[in-house]
């Protein structure tokens, strides 16, 4: 997954603040990001994109 430069910079800043010892609440105040976003960045989660509405390995339903 390729991150846009602005999002990548936010991610790096959040991680740097965390490594510097700031708490989740302090990071949210410093960056202005939502707590859930900060938690996601620190957990290393990435968005999962689905290409289609069917499951892998399952045949598509024809109407």
N, C-alpha and C. Protein backbone atom coordinates (compact mmCIF):
# COMPACT_ATOMS: atom_id res chain seq x y z
N UNK A 1 0.84 -1.17 0.00
CA UNK A 1 0.00 0.00 0.00
C UNK A 1 0.89 1.24 0.00
N UNK A 2 0.60 2.15 -0.89
CA UNK A 2 1.37 3.37 -0.99
C UNK A 2 0.61 4.47 -0.26
N UNK A 3 1.27 5.08 0.71
CA UNK A 3 0.64 6.16 1.46
C UNK A 3 0.94 7.49 0.81
N UNK A 4 -0.06 8.38 0.82
CA UNK A 4 0.19 9.73 0.36
C UNK A 4 1.16 10.40 1.33
N UNK A 5 1.93 11.35 0.83
CA UNK A 5 2.99 11.96 1.63
C UNK A 5 2.45 12.61 2.91
N UNK A 6 1.30 13.26 2.84
CA UNK A 6 0.74 13.91 4.03
C UNK A 6 0.39 12.88 5.10
N UNK A 7 -0.24 11.80 4.71
CA UNK A 7 -0.60 10.75 5.66
C UNK A 7 0.65 10.08 6.22
N UNK A 8 1.64 9.87 5.38
CA UNK A 8 2.87 9.24 5.82
C UNK A 8 3.57 10.10 6.86
N UNK A 9 3.58 11.42 6.64
CA UNK A 9 4.20 12.33 7.60
C UNK A 9 3.46 12.31 8.94
N UNK A 10 2.13 12.24 8.90
CA UNK A 10 1.35 12.15 10.14
C UNK A 10 1.69 10.86 10.89
N UNK A 11 1.76 9.78 10.15
CA UNK A 11 2.08 8.49 10.75
C UNK A 11 3.44 8.53 11.42
N UNK A 12 4.44 9.07 10.73
CA UNK A 12 5.79 9.16 11.29
C UNK A 12 5.81 10.05 12.53
N UNK A 13 5.05 11.15 12.50
CA UNK A 13 5.02 12.06 13.65
C UNK A 13 4.40 11.39 14.86
N UNK A 14 3.28 10.68 14.65
CA UNK A 14 2.61 9.98 15.75
C UNK A 14 3.57 8.95 16.36
N UNK A 15 4.22 8.19 15.53
CA UNK A 15 5.15 7.17 16.05
C UNK A 15 6.33 7.80 16.77
N UNK A 16 6.84 8.93 16.26
CA UNK A 16 7.96 9.60 16.91
C UNK A 16 7.55 10.15 18.27
N UNK A 17 6.35 10.73 18.37
CA UNK A 17 5.87 11.24 19.65
C UNK A 17 5.69 10.11 20.65
N UNK A 18 5.21 8.97 20.17
CA UNK A 18 5.02 7.82 21.05
C UNK A 18 6.37 7.30 21.55
N UNK A 19 7.33 7.22 20.66
CA UNK A 19 8.67 6.77 21.05
C UNK A 19 9.33 7.74 22.03
N UNK A 20 8.92 9.02 21.96
CA UNK A 20 9.46 10.03 22.88
C UNK A 20 8.81 9.94 24.26
N UNK A 21 7.80 9.07 24.38
CA UNK A 21 7.19 8.84 25.68
C UNK A 21 5.86 9.51 25.91
N UNK A 22 5.29 10.15 24.88
CA UNK A 22 3.99 10.79 25.05
C UNK A 22 2.88 9.74 25.10
N UNK A 23 1.86 10.05 25.89
CA UNK A 23 0.71 9.15 26.00
C UNK A 23 -0.21 9.35 24.80
N UNK A 24 -1.18 8.48 24.66
CA UNK A 24 -2.15 8.57 23.58
C UNK A 24 -2.88 9.91 23.64
N UNK A 25 -3.31 10.32 24.83
CA UNK A 25 -4.02 11.59 24.99
C UNK A 25 -3.14 12.77 24.63
N UNK A 26 -1.88 12.73 25.01
CA UNK A 26 -0.97 13.81 24.68
C UNK A 26 -0.73 13.90 23.18
N UNK A 27 -0.63 12.75 22.54
CA UNK A 27 -0.43 12.73 21.09
C UNK A 27 -1.64 13.31 20.37
N UNK A 28 -2.85 12.97 20.83
CA UNK A 28 -4.06 13.50 20.18
C UNK A 28 -4.13 15.02 20.33
N UNK A 29 -3.76 15.54 21.48
CA UNK A 29 -3.76 16.99 21.67
C UNK A 29 -2.70 17.66 20.80
N UNK A 30 -1.54 17.05 20.71
CA UNK A 30 -0.43 17.62 19.94
C UNK A 30 -0.70 17.63 18.44
N UNK A 31 -1.30 16.55 17.93
CA UNK A 31 -1.49 16.41 16.48
C UNK A 31 -2.86 16.86 15.99
N UNK A 32 -3.85 16.85 16.88
CA UNK A 32 -5.20 17.19 16.46
C UNK A 32 -5.93 16.03 15.82
N UNK A 33 -5.34 14.84 15.86
CA UNK A 33 -5.96 13.65 15.29
C UNK A 33 -6.91 13.02 16.31
N UNK A 34 -7.85 12.24 15.83
CA UNK A 34 -8.77 11.52 16.69
C UNK A 34 -8.03 10.40 17.42
N UNK A 35 -8.52 10.05 18.61
CA UNK A 35 -7.88 8.99 19.41
C UNK A 35 -7.83 7.67 18.64
N UNK A 36 -8.90 7.36 17.92
CA UNK A 36 -8.93 6.10 17.17
C UNK A 36 -7.88 6.09 16.06
N UNK A 37 -7.67 7.25 15.43
CA UNK A 37 -6.67 7.34 14.37
C UNK A 37 -5.28 7.14 14.95
N UNK A 38 -5.01 7.78 16.08
CA UNK A 38 -3.70 7.62 16.72
C UNK A 38 -3.49 6.17 17.13
N UNK A 39 -4.52 5.56 17.70
CA UNK A 39 -4.42 4.16 18.11
C UNK A 39 -4.14 3.27 16.90
N UNK A 40 -4.81 3.55 15.77
CA UNK A 40 -4.61 2.77 14.55
C UNK A 40 -3.18 2.92 14.04
N UNK A 41 -2.66 4.15 14.04
CA UNK A 41 -1.30 4.38 13.57
C UNK A 41 -0.29 3.65 14.45
N UNK A 42 -0.52 3.66 15.76
CA UNK A 42 0.42 3.01 16.66
C UNK A 42 0.32 1.49 16.57
N UNK A 43 -0.85 0.98 16.24
CA UNK A 43 -1.02 -0.46 16.11
C UNK A 43 -0.48 -0.97 14.78
N UNK A 44 -0.24 -0.08 13.85
CA UNK A 44 0.30 -0.48 12.55
C UNK A 44 -0.76 -1.04 11.62
N UNK A 45 -2.01 -0.73 11.88
CA UNK A 45 -3.08 -1.23 11.03
C UNK A 45 -3.04 -0.55 9.68
N UNK A 46 -3.44 -1.28 8.68
CA UNK A 46 -3.55 -0.72 7.34
C UNK A 46 -4.96 -1.02 6.84
N UNK A 47 -5.42 -0.15 5.99
CA UNK A 47 -6.75 -0.39 5.41
C UNK A 47 -6.68 -1.62 4.52
N UNK A 48 -7.77 -2.34 4.53
CA UNK A 48 -7.86 -3.51 3.66
C UNK A 48 -8.86 -3.19 2.56
N UNK A 49 -8.38 -3.26 1.36
CA UNK A 49 -9.25 -2.97 0.22
C UNK A 49 -9.71 -4.28 -0.39
N UNK A 50 -11.00 -4.37 -0.59
CA UNK A 50 -11.56 -5.55 -1.26
C UNK A 50 -11.77 -5.20 -2.71
N UNK A 51 -11.38 -6.08 -3.57
CA UNK A 51 -11.52 -5.82 -5.00
C UNK A 51 -12.94 -6.04 -5.49
N UNK A 52 -13.63 -6.97 -4.89
CA UNK A 52 -14.99 -7.24 -5.33
C UNK A 52 -15.82 -7.68 -4.13
N UNK A 53 -17.08 -7.85 -4.35
CA UNK A 53 -17.97 -8.19 -3.27
C UNK A 53 -18.04 -9.67 -2.94
N UNK A 54 -17.25 -10.51 -3.59
CA UNK A 54 -17.32 -11.93 -3.30
C UNK A 54 -16.08 -12.38 -2.53
N UNK A 55 -16.22 -13.46 -1.84
CA UNK A 55 -15.11 -14.01 -1.07
C UNK A 55 -14.13 -14.73 -1.98
N UNK A 56 -12.90 -14.75 -1.57
CA UNK A 56 -11.88 -15.46 -2.34
C UNK A 56 -12.18 -16.94 -2.30
N UNK A 57 -12.15 -17.57 -3.44
CA UNK A 57 -12.40 -19.00 -3.51
C UNK A 57 -13.87 -19.37 -3.63
N UNK A 58 -14.73 -18.39 -3.54
CA UNK A 58 -16.17 -18.65 -3.65
C UNK A 58 -16.64 -18.23 -5.04
N UNK A 59 -17.44 -19.04 -5.68
CA UNK A 59 -17.94 -18.65 -7.01
C UNK A 59 -18.91 -17.48 -6.89
N UNK A 60 -18.91 -16.65 -7.91
CA UNK A 60 -19.84 -15.52 -7.92
C UNK A 60 -21.25 -16.00 -8.18
N UNK A 61 -22.19 -15.35 -7.55
CA UNK A 61 -23.60 -15.70 -7.76
C UNK A 61 -24.11 -14.96 -8.99
N UNK A 62 -24.71 -15.68 -9.87
CA UNK A 62 -25.29 -15.09 -11.07
C UNK A 62 -26.78 -14.96 -10.90
N UNK A 63 -27.30 -13.83 -11.23
CA UNK A 63 -28.76 -13.60 -11.12
C UNK A 63 -29.45 -13.82 -12.42
